[in-house]
């Protein structure tokens, strides 16, 4: 079993409150540590920046009024 944090925990932060990338990065560092590693359902080994890029590529987040929010249609429901 992996010690990495599931990406849904990061997405849930945006579900609670839209944030800029920097705000999200700060909250992630505060909650999970600056060296936290993340995983998705199928991939692992993400740092925050690569995870954020993955969210963008997969259209799991979208920018609204300068803040990032989840795109609920593109987030799996487990």
PDB file of N, CA and C in Angstrom:
ATOM      1  N   UNK A   1       0.847  -1.188   0.000  1.00  0.00           N
ATOM      2  CA  UNK A   1       0.000   0.000   0.000  1.00  0.00           C
ATOM      3  C   UNK A   1       0.889   1.246   0.000  1.00  0.00           C
ATOM      4  N   UNK A   2       0.502   2.202  -0.794  1.00  0.00           N
ATOM      5  CA  UNK A   2       1.287   3.419  -0.961  1.00  0.00           C
ATOM      6  C   UNK A   2       1.090   4.378   0.205  1.00  0.00           C
ATOM      7  N   UNK A   3       2.150   5.112   0.554  1.00  0.00           N
ATOM      8  CA  UNK A   3       2.066   6.160   1.562  1.00  0.00           C
ATOM      9  C   UNK A   3       1.679   7.497   0.947  1.00  0.00           C
ATOM     10  N   UNK A   4       1.497   7.504  -0.362  1.00  0.00           N
ATOM     11  CA  UNK A   4       1.162   8.742  -1.049  1.00  0.00           C
ATOM     12  C   UNK A   4      -0.286   9.147  -0.759  1.00  0.00           C
ATOM     13  N   UNK A   5      -0.518  10.426  -0.868  1.00  0.00           N
ATOM     14  CA  UNK A   5      -1.839  11.000  -0.600  1.00  0.00           C
ATOM     15  C   UNK A   5      -2.654  10.953  -1.880  1.00  0.00           C
ATOM     16  N   UNK A   6      -3.888  10.511  -1.770  1.00  0.00           N
ATOM     17  CA  UNK A   6      -4.732  10.415  -2.967  1.00  0.00           C
ATOM     18  C   UNK A   6      -5.086  11.813  -3.463  1.00  0.00           C
ATOM     19  N   UNK A   7      -5.046  11.985  -4.766  1.00  0.00           N
ATOM     20  CA  UNK A   7      -5.326  13.275  -5.405  1.00  0.00           C
ATOM     21  C   UNK A   7      -6.703  13.829  -5.044  1.00  0.00           C
ATOM     22  N   UNK A   8      -7.647  12.959  -4.739  1.00  0.00           N
ATOM     23  CA  UNK A   8      -8.988  13.431  -4.363  1.00  0.00           C
ATOM     24  C   UNK A   8      -8.947  14.337  -3.137  1.00  0.00           C
ATOM     25  N   UNK A   9      -7.977  14.121  -2.266  1.00  0.00           N
ATOM     26  CA  UNK A   9      -7.872  14.997  -1.089  1.00  0.00           C
ATOM     27  C   UNK A   9      -7.532  16.423  -1.507  1.00  0.00           C
ATOM     28  N   UNK A  10      -6.740  16.571  -2.553  1.00  0.00           N
ATOM     29  CA  UNK A  10      -6.415  17.905  -3.069  1.00  0.00           C
ATOM     30  C   UNK A  10      -7.634  18.485  -3.771  1.00  0.00           C
ATOM     31  N   UNK A  11      -8.299  17.679  -4.579  1.00  0.00           N
ATOM     32  CA  UNK A  11      -9.511  18.159  -5.254  1.00  0.00           C
ATOM     33  C   UNK A  11     -10.584  18.570  -4.247  1.00  0.00           C
ATOM     34  N   UNK A  12     -10.676  17.849  -3.150  1.00  0.00           N
ATOM     35  CA  UNK A  12     -11.667  18.191  -2.125  1.00  0.00           C
ATOM     36  C   UNK A  12     -11.393  19.555  -1.506  1.00  0.00           C
ATOM     37  N   UNK A  13     -10.139  19.961  -1.447  1.00  0.00           N
ATOM     38  CA  UNK A  13      -9.820  21.296  -0.947  1.00  0.00           C
ATOM     39  C   UNK A  13     -10.443  22.354  -1.852  1.00  0.00           C
ATOM     40  N   UNK A  14     -10.399  22.112  -3.166  1.00  0.00           N
ATOM     41  CA  UNK A  14     -11.010  23.050  -4.112  1.00  0.00           C
ATOM     42  C   UNK A  14     -12.530  22.949  -4.117  1.00  0.00           C
ATOM     43  N   UNK A  15     -13.041  21.788  -3.768  1.00  0.00           N
ATOM     44  CA  UNK A  15     -14.490  21.625  -3.653  1.00  0.00           C
ATOM     45  C   UNK A  15     -15.006  22.512  -2.511  1.00  0.00           C
ATOM     46  N   UNK A  16     -14.223  22.594  -1.444  1.00  0.00           N
ATOM     47  CA  UNK A  16     -14.614  23.402  -0.282  1.00  0.00           C
ATOM     48  C   UNK A  16     -14.476  24.889  -0.542  1.00  0.00           C
ATOM     49  N   UNK A  17     -13.408  25.271  -1.311  1.00  0.00           N
ATOM     50  CA  UNK A  17     -13.132  26.695  -1.500  1.00  0.00           C
ATOM     51  C   UNK A  17     -12.269  26.900  -2.748  1.00  0.00           C
ATOM     52  N   UNK A  18     -12.742  27.666  -3.711  1.00  0.00           N
ATOM     53  CA  UNK A  18     -11.900  27.989  -4.866  1.00  0.00           C
ATOM     54  C   UNK A  18     -10.643  28.736  -4.411  1.00  0.00           C
ATOM     55  N   UNK A  19      -9.507  28.445  -5.056  1.00  0.00           N
ATOM     56  CA  UNK A  19      -8.231  29.052  -4.670  1.00  0.00           C
ATOM     57  C   UNK A  19      -7.372  29.290  -5.900  1.00  0.00           C
ATOM     58  N   UNK A  20      -6.424  30.212  -5.761  1.00  0.00           N
ATOM     59  CA  UNK A  20      -5.382  30.350  -6.771  1.00  0.00           C
ATOM     60  C   UNK A  20      -4.449  29.153  -6.634  1.00  0.00           C
ATOM     61  N   UNK A  21      -3.586  28.967  -7.619  1.00  0.00           N
ATOM     62  CA  UNK A  21      -2.614  27.866  -7.528  1.00  0.00           C
ATOM     63  C   UNK A  21      -1.728  28.048  -6.303  1.00  0.00           C
ATOM     64  N   UNK A  22      -1.284  29.281  -6.045  1.00  0.00           N
ATOM     65  CA  UNK A  22      -0.415  29.524  -4.891  1.00  0.00           C
ATOM     66  C   UNK A  22      -1.139  29.247  -3.581  1.00  0.00           C
ATOM     67  N   UNK A  23      -2.393  29.674  -3.475  1.00  0.00           N
ATOM     68  CA  UNK A  23      -3.170  29.404  -2.257  1.00  0.00           C
ATOM     69  C   UNK A  23      -3.322  27.902  -2.047  1.00  0.00           C
ATOM     70  N   UNK A  24      -3.625  27.186  -3.122  1.00  0.00           N
ATOM     71  CA  UNK A  24      -3.775  25.741  -3.018  1.00  0.00           C
ATOM     72  C   UNK A  24      -2.458  25.094  -2.618  1.00  0.00           C
ATOM     73  N   UNK A  25      -1.376  25.529  -3.225  1.00  0.00           N
ATOM     74  CA  UNK A  25      -0.055  24.999  -2.885  1.00  0.00           C
ATOM     75  C   UNK A  25       0.252  25.215  -1.403  1.00  0.00           C
ATOM     76  N   UNK A  26      -0.062  26.399  -0.901  1.00  0.00           N
ATOM     77  CA  UNK A  26       0.183  26.707   0.516  1.00  0.00           C
ATOM     78  C   UNK A  26      -0.635  25.804   1.430  1.00  0.00           C
ATOM     79  N   UNK A  27      -1.909  25.599   1.092  1.00  0.00           N
ATOM     80  CA  UNK A  27      -2.778  24.748   1.915  1.00  0.00           C
ATOM     81  C   UNK A  27      -2.300  23.295   1.851  1.00  0.00           C
ATOM     82  N   UNK A  28      -1.933  22.837   0.682  1.00  0.00           N
ATOM     83  CA  UNK A  28      -1.432  21.461   0.526  1.00  0.00           C
ATOM     84  C   UNK A  28      -0.160  21.268   1.353  1.00  0.00           C
ATOM     85  N   UNK A  29       0.759  22.217   1.288  1.00  0.00           N
ATOM     86  CA  UNK A  29       1.996  22.121   2.081  1.00  0.00           C
ATOM     87  C   UNK A  29       1.697  22.108   3.574  1.00  0.00           C
ATOM     88  N   UNK A  30       0.750  22.946   3.972  1.00  0.00           N
ATOM     89  CA  UNK A  30       0.381  23.029   5.386  1.00  0.00           C
ATOM     90  C   UNK A  30      -0.265  21.735   5.878  1.00  0.00           C
ATOM     91  N   UNK A  31      -1.144  21.170   5.074  1.00  0.00           N
ATOM     92  CA  UNK A  31      -1.877  19.970   5.503  1.00  0.00           C
ATOM     93  C   UNK A  31      -1.098  18.674   5.328  1.00  0.00           C
ATOM     94  N   UNK A  32      -0.319  18.584   4.246  1.00  0.00           N
ATOM     95  CA  UNK A  32       0.321  17.313   3.912  1.00  0.00           C
ATOM     96  C   UNK A  32       1.839  17.342   3.980  1.00  0.00           C
ATOM     97  N   UNK A  33       2.423  18.529   4.145  1.00  0.00           N
ATOM     98  CA  UNK A  33       3.870  18.655   4.184  1.00  0.00           C
ATOM     99  C   UNK A  33       4.432  19.065   2.836  1.00  0.00           C
ATOM    100  N   UNK A  34       5.544  19.768   2.889  1.00  0.00           N
ATOM    101  CA  UNK A  34       6.143  20.294   1.664  1.00  0.00           C
ATOM    102  C   UNK A  34       6.672  19.204   0.737  1.00  0.00           C
ATOM    103  N   UNK A  35       7.012  18.057   1.281  1.00  0.00           N
ATOM    104  CA  UNK A  35       7.568  16.967   0.476  1.00  0.00           C
ATOM    105  C   UNK A  35       6.531  15.895   0.145  1.00  0.00           C
ATOM    106  N   UNK A  36       5.254  16.215   0.310  1.00  0.00           N
ATOM    107  CA  UNK A  36       4.197  15.229   0.079  1.00  0.00           C
ATOM    108  C   UNK A  36       4.232  14.708  -1.353  1.00  0.00           C
ATOM    109  N   UNK A  37       3.936  13.437  -1.491  1.00  0.00           N
ATOM    110  CA  UNK A  37       3.795  12.767  -2.780  1.00  0.00           C
ATOM    111  C   UNK A  37       2.322  12.391  -2.938  1.00  0.00           C
ATOM    112  N   UNK A  38       1.850  12.417  -4.178  1.00  0.00           N
ATOM    113  CA  UNK A  38       0.436  12.168  -4.439  1.00  0.00           C
ATOM    114  C   UNK A  38       0.275  11.059  -5.466  1.00  0.00           C
ATOM    115  N   UNK A  39      -0.908  10.467  -5.455  1.00  0.00           N
ATOM    116  CA  UNK A  39      -1.244   9.416  -6.420  1.00  0.00           C
ATOM    117  C   UNK A  39      -2.676   9.629  -6.897  1.00  0.00           C
ATOM    118  N   UNK A  40      -2.971   9.063  -8.047  1.00  0.00           N
ATOM    119  CA  UNK A  40      -4.334   9.050  -8.556  1.00  0.00           C
ATOM    120  C   UNK A  40      -4.809   7.606  -8.523  1.00  0.00           C
ATOM    121  N   UNK A  41      -5.940   7.342  -9.117  1.00  0.00           N
ATOM    122  CA  UNK A  41      -6.447   5.969  -9.153  1.00  0.00           C
ATOM    123  C   UNK A  41      -5.526   5.039  -9.946  1.00  0.00           C
ATOM    124  N   UNK A  42      -4.819   5.601 -10.938  1.00  0.00           N
ATOM    125  CA  UNK A  42      -4.005   4.773 -11.827  1.00  0.00           C
ATOM    126  C   UNK A  42      -2.515   5.095 -11.821  1.00  0.00           C
ATOM    127  N   UNK A  43      -2.138   6.269 -11.321  1.00  0.00           N
ATOM    128  CA  UNK A  43      -0.729   6.694 -11.375  1.00  0.00           C
ATOM    129  C   UNK A  43      -0.267   7.154 -10.004  1.00  0.00           C
ATOM    130  N   UNK A  44       1.055   7.149  -9.832  1.00  0.00           N
ATOM    131  CA  UNK A  44       1.618   7.601  -8.553  1.00  0.00           C
ATOM    132  C   UNK A  44       2.886   8.380  -8.796  1.00  0.00           C
ATOM    133  N   UNK A  45       3.423   8.965  -7.728  1.00  0.00           N
ATOM    134  CA  UNK A  45       4.690   9.671  -7.808  1.00  0.00           C
ATOM    135  C   UNK A  45       4.589  11.136  -8.184  1.00  0.00           C
ATOM    136  N   UNK A  46       3.435  11.741  -7.961  1.00  0.00           N
ATOM    137  CA  UNK A  46       3.252  13.150  -8.287  1.00  0.00           C
ATOM    138  C   UNK A  46       3.773  14.055  -7.176  1.00  0.00           C
ATOM    139  N   UNK A  47       4.422  15.139  -7.555  1.00  0.00           N
ATOM    140  CA  UNK A  47       4.676  16.278  -6.666  1.00  0.00           C
ATOM    141  C   UNK A  47       3.491  17.208  -6.875  1.00  0.00           C
ATOM    142  N   UNK A  48       3.361  18.254  -6.071  1.00  0.00           N
ATOM    143  CA  UNK A  48       2.209  19.141  -6.223  1.00  0.00           C
ATOM    144  C   UNK A  48       2.115  19.711  -7.636  1.00  0.00           C
ATOM    145  N   UNK A  49       3.216  20.248  -8.168  1.00  0.00           N
ATOM    146  CA  UNK A  49       3.165  20.891  -9.491  1.00  0.00           C
ATOM    147  C   UNK A  49       2.784  19.915 -10.601  1.00  0.00           C
ATOM    148  N   UNK A  50       3.302  18.700 -10.546  1.00  0.00           N
ATOM    149  CA  UNK A  50       2.941  17.727 -11.579  1.00  0.00           C
ATOM    150  C   UNK A  50       1.497  17.262 -11.415  1.00  0.00           C
ATOM    151  N   UNK A  51       1.028  17.182 -10.179  1.00  0.00           N
ATOM    152  CA  UNK A  51      -0.376  16.833  -9.938  1.00  0.00           C
ATOM    153  C   UNK A  51      -1.291  17.937 -10.461  1.00  0.00           C
ATOM    154  N   UNK A  52      -0.933  19.184 -10.212  1.00  0.00           N
ATOM    155  CA  UNK A  52      -1.730  20.314 -10.703  1.00  0.00           C
ATOM    156  C   UNK A  52      -1.790  20.275 -12.234  1.00  0.00           C
ATOM    157  N   UNK A  53      -0.651  20.031 -12.884  1.00  0.00           N
ATOM    158  CA  UNK A  53      -0.625  19.916 -14.347  1.00  0.00           C
ATOM    159  C   UNK A  53      -1.499  18.756 -14.830  1.00  0.00           C
ATOM    160  N   UNK A  54      -1.468  17.648 -14.107  1.00  0.00           N
ATOM    161  CA  UNK A  54      -2.320  16.503 -14.432  1.00  0.00           C
ATOM    162  C   UNK A  54      -3.791  16.900 -14.357  1.00  0.00           C
ATOM    163  N   UNK A  55      -4.174  17.629 -13.313  1.00  0.00           N
ATOM    164  CA  UNK A  55      -5.558  18.103 -13.193  1.00  0.00           C
ATOM    165  C   UNK A  55      -5.945  18.957 -14.395  1.00  0.00           C
ATOM    166  N   UNK A  56      -5.042  19.818 -14.825  1.00  0.00           N
ATOM    167  CA  UNK A  56      -5.320  20.672 -15.988  1.00  0.00           C
ATOM    168  C   UNK A  56      -5.470  19.839 -17.266  1.00  0.00           C
ATOM    169  N   UNK A  57      -4.556  18.918 -17.481  1.00  0.00           N
ATOM    170  CA  UNK A  57      -4.595  18.083 -18.687  1.00  0.00           C
ATOM    171  C   UNK A  57      -5.867  17.248 -18.752  1.00  0.00           C
ATOM    172  N   UNK A  58      -6.305  16.772 -17.615  1.00  0.00           N
ATOM    173  CA  UNK A  58      -7.498  15.919 -17.552  1.00  0.00           C
ATOM    174  C   UNK A  58      -8.790  16.727 -17.365  1.00  0.00           C
ATOM    175  N   UNK A  59      -8.647  18.046 -17.349  1.00  0.00           N
ATOM    176  CA  UNK A  59      -9.781  18.965 -17.183  1.00  0.00           C
ATOM    177  C   UNK A  59     -10.571  18.691 -15.897  1.00  0.00           C
ATOM    178  N   UNK A  60      -9.838  18.335 -14.845  1.00  0.00           N
ATOM    179  CA  UNK A  60     -10.465  18.091 -13.544  1.00  0.00           C
ATOM    180  C   UNK A  60     -10.659  19.379 -12.760  1.00  0.00           C
ATOM    181  N   UNK A  61      -9.946  20.428 -13.172  1.00  0.00           N
ATOM    182  CA  UNK A  61     -10.117  21.743 -12.566  1.00  0.00           C
ATOM    183  C   UNK A  61     -10.265  22.771 -13.680  1.00  0.00           C
ATOM    184  N   UNK A  62     -10.896  23.871 -13.336  1.00  0.00           N
ATOM    185  CA  UNK A  62     -11.071  24.961 -14.288  1.00  0.00           C
ATOM    186  C   UNK A  62     -10.938  26.279 -13.551  1.00  0.00           C
ATOM    187  N   UNK A  63     -10.524  27.303 -14.263  1.00  0.00           N
ATOM    188  CA  UNK A  63     -10.327  28.603 -13.637  1.00  0.00           C
ATOM    189  C   UNK A  63     -11.582  29.459 -13.817  1.00  0.00           C
ATOM    190  N   UNK A  64     -12.051  30.009 -12.710  1.00  0.00           N
ATOM    191  CA  UNK A  64     -13.217  30.893 -12.716  1.00  0.00           C
ATOM    192  C   UNK A  64     -12.853  32.126 -11.893  1.00  0.00           C
ATOM    193  N   UNK A  65     -12.885  33.277 -12.537  1.00  0.00           N
ATOM    194  CA  UNK A  65     -12.579  34.545 -11.859  1.00  0.00           C
ATOM    195  C   UNK A  65     -11.226  34.513 -11.135  1.00  0.00           C
ATOM    196  N   UNK A  66     -10.223  33.899 -11.779  1.00  0.00           N
ATOM    197  CA  UNK A  66      -8.880  33.885 -11.218  1.00  0.00           C
ATOM    198  C   UNK A  66      -8.635  32.846 -10.139  1.00  0.00           C
ATOM    199  N   UNK A  67      -9.633  32.005  -9.865  1.00  0.00           N
ATOM    200  CA  UNK A  67      -9.491  30.951  -8.848  1.00  0.00           C
ATOM    201  C   UNK A  67      -9.771  29.600  -9.510  1.00  0.00           C
ATOM    202  N   UNK A  68      -9.135  28.572  -8.994  1.00  0.00           N
ATOM    203  CA  UNK A  68      -9.344  27.218  -9.513  1.00  0.00           C
ATOM    204  C   UNK A  68     -10.468  26.534  -8.746  1.00  0.00           C
ATOM    205  N   UNK A  69     -11.335  25.853  -9.487  1.00  0.00           N
ATOM    206  CA  UNK A  69     -12.453  25.093  -8.923  1.00  0.00           C
ATOM    207  C   UNK A  69     -12.455  23.720  -9.583  1.00  0.00           C
ATOM    208  N   UNK A  70     -13.108  22.759  -8.958  1.00  0.00           N
ATOM    209  CA  UNK A  70     -13.175  21.444  -9.581  1.00  0.00           C
ATOM    210  C   UNK A  70     -14.205  21.453 -10.695  1.00  0.00           C
ATOM    211  N   UNK A  71     -13.969  20.630 -11.681  1.00  0.00           N
ATOM    212  CA  UNK A  71     -14.910  20.394 -12.759  1.00  0.00           C
ATOM    213  C   UNK A  71     -15.569  19.062 -12.420  1.00  0.00           C
ATOM    214  N   UNK A  72     -16.675  19.106 -11.712  1.00  0.00           N
ATOM    215  CA  UNK A  72     -17.314  17.913 -11.150  1.00  0.00           C
ATOM    216  C   UNK A  72     -17.630  16.858 -12.211  1.00  0.00           C
ATOM    217  N   UNK A  73     -17.872  17.265 -13.429  1.00  0.00           N
ATOM    218  CA  UNK A  73     -18.168  16.311 -14.494  1.00  0.00           C
ATOM    219  C   UNK A  73     -16.966  15.445 -14.843  1.00  0.00           C
ATOM    220  N   UNK A  74     -15.764  15.896 -14.530  1.00  0.00           N
ATOM    221  CA  UNK A  74     -14.551  15.182 -14.892  1.00  0.00           C
ATOM    222  C   UNK A  74     -13.871  14.476 -13.707  1.00  0.00           C
ATOM    223  N   UNK A  75     -14.500  14.522 -12.530  1.00  0.00           N
ATOM    224  CA  UNK A  75     -13.921  13.891 -11.334  1.00  0.00           C
ATOM    225  C   UNK A  75     -14.699  12.623 -11.029  1.00  0.00           C
ATOM    226  N   UNK A  76     -13.968  11.511 -10.930  1.00  0.00           N
ATOM    227  CA  UNK A  76     -14.646  10.252 -10.622  1.00  0.00           C
ATOM    228  C   UNK A  76     -15.257  10.310  -9.219  1.00  0.00           C
ATOM    229  N   UNK A  77     -16.275   9.520  -8.994  1.00  0.00           N
ATOM    230  CA  UNK A  77     -17.088   9.669  -7.788  1.00  0.00           C
ATOM    231  C   UNK A  77     -16.790   8.717  -6.647  1.00  0.00           C
ATOM    232  N   UNK A  78     -15.577   8.263  -6.487  1.00  0.00           N
ATOM    233  CA  UNK A  78     -15.305   7.368  -5.349  1.00  0.00           C
ATOM    234  C   UNK A  78     -14.489   8.057  -4.287  1.00  0.00           C
TER     235      UNK A  78
END
